[in-house]
Protein backbone atom coordinates (compact mmCIF):
# COMPACT_ATOMS: atom_id res chain seq x y z
CA MET A 1 -56.52 85.54 60.22
CA VAL A 2 -56.56 83.65 56.76
CA GLN A 3 -54.74 80.83 58.70
CA ASN A 4 -57.65 80.34 60.97
CA ARG A 5 -60.70 81.09 58.31
CA TRP A 6 -58.87 77.95 56.41
CA SER A 7 -58.18 75.99 59.14
CA SER A 8 -61.97 76.50 60.30
CA ALA A 9 -63.32 75.61 56.46
CA VAL A 10 -60.74 72.24 56.69
CA LEU A 11 -62.68 70.93 60.25
CA LEU A 12 -65.98 72.07 58.98
CA THR A 13 -65.42 69.80 55.71
CA LEU A 14 -64.18 67.06 58.32
CA VAL A 15 -66.97 67.16 60.41
CA LEU A 16 -69.32 66.94 57.72
CA GLY A 17 -67.70 64.33 55.84
CA MET A 18 -67.44 61.72 58.85
CA ASN A 19 -71.30 62.43 59.28
CA GLY A 20 -72.17 62.13 55.59
CA ILE A 21 -72.95 65.32 54.70
CA SER A 22 -72.27 67.19 51.53
CA MET A 23 -70.85 70.74 51.58
CA HIS A 24 -73.20 71.29 48.68
CA SER A 25 -76.47 70.42 49.73
CA SER A 26 -78.86 72.79 48.69
CA ALA A 27 -80.19 75.38 51.03
CA GLY A 28 -83.30 75.14 48.89
CA GLU A 29 -83.38 71.39 49.73
CA GLN A 30 -83.96 71.78 53.11
CA GLY A 31 -85.24 75.42 53.40
CA PRO A 32 -88.99 75.00 53.06
CA ASP A 33 -89.06 72.74 55.36
CA ILE A 34 -87.79 75.09 58.06
CA SER A 35 -90.18 76.94 60.45
CA LEU A 36 -89.64 80.36 61.39
CA GLU A 37 -92.05 81.30 64.03
CA GLY A 38 -90.77 82.99 66.73
CA VAL A 39 -87.66 83.87 65.12
CA VAL A 40 -86.37 87.80 65.82
CA ASP A 41 -83.94 89.15 63.85
CA LEU A 42 -82.23 91.65 64.84
CA HIS A 43 -79.95 92.90 61.82
CA VAL A 44 -82.70 93.97 58.77
CA HIS A 45 -81.47 96.42 56.21
CA ALA A 46 -84.64 97.73 53.82
CA GLY A 47 -84.99 100.60 52.03
CA PRO A 48 -85.60 103.66 52.00
CA ASP A 49 -81.31 103.80 52.13
CA SER A 50 -78.39 105.62 50.44
CA ARG A 51 -77.45 101.99 49.69
CA PRO A 52 -78.85 99.58 47.19
CA ARG A 53 -81.34 97.16 49.07
CA SER A 54 -83.30 94.48 48.22
CA VAL A 55 -86.79 95.18 49.67
CA ASN A 56 -88.15 98.32 51.53
CA ASP A 57 -89.44 98.40 55.38
CA LEU A 58 -93.02 96.96 54.66
CA GLU A 59 -91.86 94.40 52.70
CA ALA A 60 -89.02 93.16 55.08
CA ALA A 61 -91.83 93.48 57.34
CA ARG A 62 -94.60 91.69 55.52
CA GLY A 63 -91.77 88.95 54.56
CA ALA A 64 -91.49 88.26 58.21
CA LYS A 65 -95.26 87.91 59.02
CA ASP A 66 -95.40 85.25 56.11
CA ALA A 67 -92.89 83.37 57.39
CA ARG A 68 -94.56 83.93 60.77
CA MET A 69 -91.66 85.58 62.49
CA ARG A 70 -92.01 87.18 65.82
CA ALA A 71 -90.05 90.35 65.62
CA ILE A 72 -87.80 92.13 63.34
CA LEU A 73 -85.13 95.07 63.91
CA LEU A 74 -84.81 97.69 61.62
CA LYS A 75 -81.03 99.08 60.98
CA ASN A 76 -80.32 101.46 59.02
CA HIS A 77 -76.10 103.08 59.28
CA PHE A 78 -77.72 107.11 58.27
CA THR A 79 -80.60 107.37 59.52
CA MET A 80 -83.13 106.69 62.35
CA THR A 81 -85.95 103.71 62.15
CA ALA A 82 -87.61 103.90 65.01
CA ASP A 83 -90.41 106.04 62.95
CA ARG A 84 -90.04 104.27 60.13
CA ALA A 85 -90.50 100.96 62.35
CA ALA A 86 -93.92 102.40 63.66
CA LEU A 87 -95.66 103.30 60.08
CA ALA A 88 -94.76 99.73 59.23
CA MET A 89 -96.40 98.59 62.49
CA GLU A 90 -99.22 100.35 61.29
CA GLN A 91 -99.34 98.32 57.96
CA VAL A 92 -98.37 95.01 59.33
CA GLU A 93 -100.39 92.41 61.89
CA ASN A 94 -99.01 89.80 64.11
CA LEU A 95 -95.40 91.57 63.69
CA GLU A 96 -93.56 93.39 66.24
CA ILE A 97 -91.15 96.12 64.65
CA PHE A 98 -88.74 98.01 66.35
CA GLY A 99 -86.05 100.98 65.00
CA GLY A 100 -83.23 102.67 66.51
CA VAL A 101 -80.13 104.54 65.81
CA VAL A 102 -77.01 104.15 64.64
CA LEU A 103 -74.43 107.01 65.97
CA ASN A 104 -72.51 107.62 62.52
CA ARG A 105 -71.34 110.97 61.35
CA ALA A 106 -75.24 111.60 59.75
CA VAL A 107 -77.03 111.76 62.81
CA GLY A 108 -73.81 114.17 64.74
CA GLY A 109 -72.19 111.29 65.72
CA ILE A 110 -71.93 110.72 69.65
CA ASN A 111 -75.12 112.67 69.75
CA PRO A 112 -77.13 112.35 73.07
CA GLU A 113 -80.02 114.71 71.72
CA ALA A 114 -80.42 112.37 68.27
CA VAL A 115 -81.29 109.35 71.56
CA ARG A 116 -83.52 111.78 73.31
CA GLN A 117 -85.31 112.55 70.08
CA MET A 118 -85.78 108.66 69.07
CA VAL A 119 -87.11 107.92 72.60
CA ASP A 120 -89.30 110.41 72.61
CA PHE A 121 -90.85 110.10 68.69
CA SER A 122 -94.62 108.76 68.77
CA GLY A 123 -95.19 105.06 68.16
CA GLY A 124 -92.50 103.95 71.28
CA ARG A 125 -90.53 101.94 68.11
CA GLY A 126 -87.26 103.09 69.22
CA LYS A 127 -85.43 100.75 71.03
CA VAL A 128 -81.71 100.28 70.10
CA VAL A 129 -78.57 102.32 69.72
CA TRP A 130 -76.06 101.74 68.02
CA LEU A 131 -72.29 103.35 68.48
CA PRO A 132 -70.52 103.95 65.21
CA THR A 133 -71.06 101.58 62.24
CA PHE A 134 -69.22 102.87 58.70
CA ASP A 135 -67.37 105.67 61.04
CA ALA A 136 -66.30 103.91 63.63
CA GLU A 137 -62.47 104.45 64.31
CA TRP A 138 -61.88 100.59 63.82
CA TYR A 139 -63.79 100.02 60.07
CA VAL A 140 -62.56 103.22 58.87
CA THR A 141 -58.81 102.45 59.73
CA ASN A 142 -58.89 98.50 59.16
CA ALA A 143 -62.33 97.45 56.94
CA GLY A 144 -62.95 101.53 55.06
CA ALA A 145 -61.32 103.77 52.92
CA GLY A 146 -59.72 105.98 55.91
CA GLY A 147 -60.87 109.51 56.30
CA VAL A 148 -63.07 110.95 59.01
CA PHE A 149 -64.18 108.52 61.92
CA VAL A 150 -66.19 109.01 65.07
CA SER A 151 -63.91 108.23 68.58
CA VAL A 152 -65.40 106.28 71.12
CA MET A 153 -62.62 106.32 73.53
CA GLN A 154 -59.93 108.89 74.10
CA ALA A 155 -56.67 108.28 76.60
CA GLY A 156 -58.16 104.55 77.14
CA ALA A 157 -61.70 106.01 78.32
CA PRO A 158 -64.98 106.47 77.01
CA VAL A 159 -65.29 109.99 75.35
CA PRO A 160 -68.00 112.38 77.91
CA THR A 161 -70.64 111.92 75.28
CA VAL A 162 -70.36 108.12 74.83
CA LEU A 163 -71.34 108.13 78.97
CA GLU A 164 -74.23 110.65 78.48
CA VAL A 165 -75.60 107.89 75.82
CA PHE A 166 -75.18 105.11 77.75
CA SER A 167 -76.87 107.15 81.10
CA LEU A 168 -79.66 107.67 78.32
CA VAL A 169 -79.88 104.14 77.33
CA ALA A 170 -80.17 102.86 80.69
CA GLU A 171 -83.10 105.39 81.59
CA HIS A 172 -85.04 104.43 79.15
CA ASP A 173 -84.04 100.81 79.34
CA LEU A 174 -82.96 100.38 75.65
CA LEU A 175 -80.77 97.96 73.87
CA LEU A 176 -77.06 99.50 73.41
CA ALA A 177 -75.29 97.65 70.57
CA THR A 178 -71.43 98.11 70.14
CA GLY A 179 -71.43 99.05 66.38
CA HIS A 180 -68.21 98.49 64.60
CA SER A 181 -66.11 99.43 68.06
CA ALA A 182 -62.94 97.16 68.03
CA PRO A 183 -62.83 94.70 70.76
CA GLU A 184 -60.90 96.27 72.62
CA GLU A 185 -63.12 99.10 72.82
CA VAL A 186 -65.70 96.95 73.41
CA LEU A 187 -63.93 95.73 76.61
CA ALA A 188 -63.62 99.29 78.06
CA LEU A 189 -66.62 100.15 77.04
CA ILE A 190 -69.20 97.32 78.33
CA PRO A 191 -68.08 97.69 81.98
CA ALA A 192 -68.80 101.46 81.93
CA ALA A 193 -71.97 101.12 80.27
CA LYS A 194 -73.02 98.97 83.03
CA ARG A 195 -71.69 100.98 85.62
CA LEU A 196 -74.31 103.42 84.56
CA GLY A 197 -77.29 101.41 84.31
CA VAL A 198 -77.08 99.89 81.05
CA ARG A 199 -78.71 96.06 81.25
CA ARG A 200 -78.88 95.27 77.47
CA ILE A 201 -75.72 94.73 75.47
CA LEU A 202 -75.21 93.40 72.15
CA VAL A 203 -71.28 93.19 70.43
CA THR A 204 -72.72 93.80 67.30
CA HIS A 205 -71.19 90.35 64.88
CA VAL A 206 -68.19 89.86 67.22
CA PHE A 207 -66.15 88.34 64.55
CA SER A 208 -66.21 90.55 61.95
CA GLN A 209 -64.06 92.99 64.12
CA GLY A 210 -61.84 90.09 64.66
CA ALA A 211 -62.34 89.40 68.21
CA THR A 212 -60.16 86.44 69.74
CA MET A 213 -62.24 83.40 71.39
CA ALA A 214 -60.36 84.91 74.84
CA GLN A 215 -62.04 88.26 73.95
CA MET A 216 -65.28 86.82 73.21
CA ARG A 217 -65.12 84.68 77.08
CA GLU A 218 -64.68 88.36 78.23
CA MET A 219 -66.99 89.60 76.78
CA ALA A 220 -69.58 86.97 78.15
CA SER A 221 -68.33 86.87 81.19
CA GLU A 222 -69.38 90.67 81.78
CA GLY A 223 -72.85 89.66 80.43
CA ALA A 224 -73.03 90.45 76.86
CA ILE A 225 -74.74 88.83 73.61
CA MET A 226 -72.79 88.56 70.65
CA GLU A 227 -74.12 88.83 67.44
CA ILE A 228 -73.03 86.20 64.79
CA ASP A 229 -74.74 87.10 61.44
CA TRP A 230 -75.48 84.94 58.25
CA LEU A 231 -74.20 87.31 56.03
CA ALA A 232 -70.24 87.10 57.10
CA VAL A 233 -71.04 83.26 56.17
CA PHE A 234 -72.89 83.83 53.09
CA SER A 235 -70.12 86.32 51.86
CA GLY A 236 -67.47 84.03 52.60
CA GLY A 237 -65.96 86.18 55.30
CA ARG A 238 -66.75 83.25 58.08
CA SER A 239 -67.79 79.44 58.27
CA ILE A 240 -70.49 77.75 60.00
CA MET A 241 -67.53 76.09 62.06
CA ASP A 242 -66.18 79.33 63.24
CA TYR A 243 -69.50 80.63 65.06
CA THR A 244 -69.64 76.25 66.05
CA ILE A 245 -66.19 76.14 68.24
CA ALA A 246 -67.48 79.59 70.04
CA ILE A 247 -70.90 77.85 70.84
CA ARG A 248 -69.41 75.03 72.48
CA GLU A 249 -66.13 76.92 73.98
CA ILE A 250 -68.08 79.78 75.56
CA GLY A 251 -72.22 78.78 75.68
CA VAL A 252 -75.24 78.95 73.88
CA ASP A 253 -76.61 81.94 75.90
CA HIS A 254 -74.36 84.35 75.12
CA PHE A 255 -75.21 84.45 71.65
CA VAL A 256 -77.91 85.48 69.01
CA MET A 257 -78.04 84.46 65.54
CA SER A 258 -79.39 87.17 62.76
CA THR A 259 -79.39 87.55 59.12
CA ASP A 260 -77.81 91.27 58.60
CA LEU A 261 -79.30 90.84 54.86
CA GLY A 262 -81.02 93.17 52.88
CA GLN A 263 -78.38 94.48 50.44
CA ALA A 264 -79.74 94.11 46.59
CA GLY A 265 -78.87 90.88 44.81
CA ASN A 266 -78.82 88.91 48.08
CA PRO A 267 -81.50 86.69 49.82
CA LEU A 268 -84.14 88.28 51.45
CA HIS A 269 -84.16 87.66 55.26
CA PRO A 270 -86.40 84.79 55.56
CA GLU A 271 -84.69 82.88 52.74
CA GLY A 272 -81.40 83.74 54.24
CA TRP A 273 -82.96 82.36 57.65
CA ARG A 274 -84.08 78.92 56.86
CA ALA A 275 -79.97 78.44 55.09
CA TYR A 276 -78.53 79.66 58.37
CA ILE A 277 -80.65 76.93 60.36
CA SER A 278 -80.04 74.63 57.58
CA ALA A 279 -76.23 75.25 58.17
CA MET A 280 -76.37 75.26 61.94
CA ARG A 281 -78.18 71.84 61.95
CA GLU A 282 -75.76 70.30 59.38
CA VAL A 283 -72.69 70.80 61.76
CA GLY A 284 -74.95 69.75 65.19
CA ILE A 285 -76.41 72.62 66.44
CA THR A 286 -79.65 71.52 68.26
CA VAL A 287 -82.94 73.06 67.65
CA ASP A 288 -83.22 73.95 71.47
CA GLU A 289 -80.04 75.69 70.64
CA ILE A 290 -80.96 77.61 67.39
CA ASP A 291 -84.00 78.58 69.41
CA ILE A 292 -82.02 80.05 72.30
CA MET A 293 -80.21 82.41 69.73
CA ALA A 294 -82.72 82.83 67.29
CA LYS A 295 -85.88 83.56 69.53
CA ARG A 296 -85.05 83.69 73.33
CA ASN A 297 -81.77 85.80 73.28
CA PRO A 298 -82.90 88.40 71.11
CA ALA A 299 -86.67 88.65 72.10
CA ARG A 300 -84.97 89.71 75.62
CA LEU A 301 -82.78 91.80 74.53
CA LEU A 302 -85.97 93.99 72.46
CA GLY A 303 -87.45 93.78 76.25
CA LEU A 304 -90.17 91.40 74.66
CA ASP A 305 -89.37 88.69 77.45
CA PRO A 306 -88.17 88.95 80.70
CA TRP A 307 -84.88 87.81 81.67
């Protein structure tokens, strides 16, 4: 894994060098000139939270509105955000704000009732069900501190409550996000979800769980959309060239860009977007391609635009 990241970084340096672009160009030099009109961010963290956040829901929404973004999706690992999105919608005009529920232990794990209640909450802003993130078996085993995890697979098949959740996602035409599930789990879960009628599937920050190019091709062939987030690049876990190689090999139609920002001390969401778009443009991703990944595909996943 380290060797792959090093190779991508070297390749990125060569590509930028051949085009006369500095690796150290400041996002602040280019960022203010980049329009975020129409951008949809599917990965917005904000407070209140049990983890330190840079902004609260209203501040995140107002920042997105001021940047003329089209929509944001509030995500919290430990509590539902559909109600919070509804409250924010009452305070911030000209911005679509959505929420969802992450099926971690704090809401009972793979708990179909949590999904039912989210759908029934007034305001109708609950659009997304994430499979476990910090409590996912892959995360607890590989990235967490060990301990209790929430299983989505047993003996090579989805657990029964996962299938019940999939049925609810299909019934209410929600977006299913795969959370921090292992790539092997994702590849088993996608067909099961589709058989039960799920139409919109997002593979949560596909690189962070270590999916190979072959696995990403298979996810794309199944009709899933894969998330590539700015936080992973900003924090040094991935490089823009990692993303660029995947986009060129698999096709821009199979990806969405997001920030995954909101952590205390990190850039605010619009600032992250401008840096992200600047970086993408520097390595040759076109404005039209960015529009597909930052506007069209995420809007479709949220049901704002037709497929």
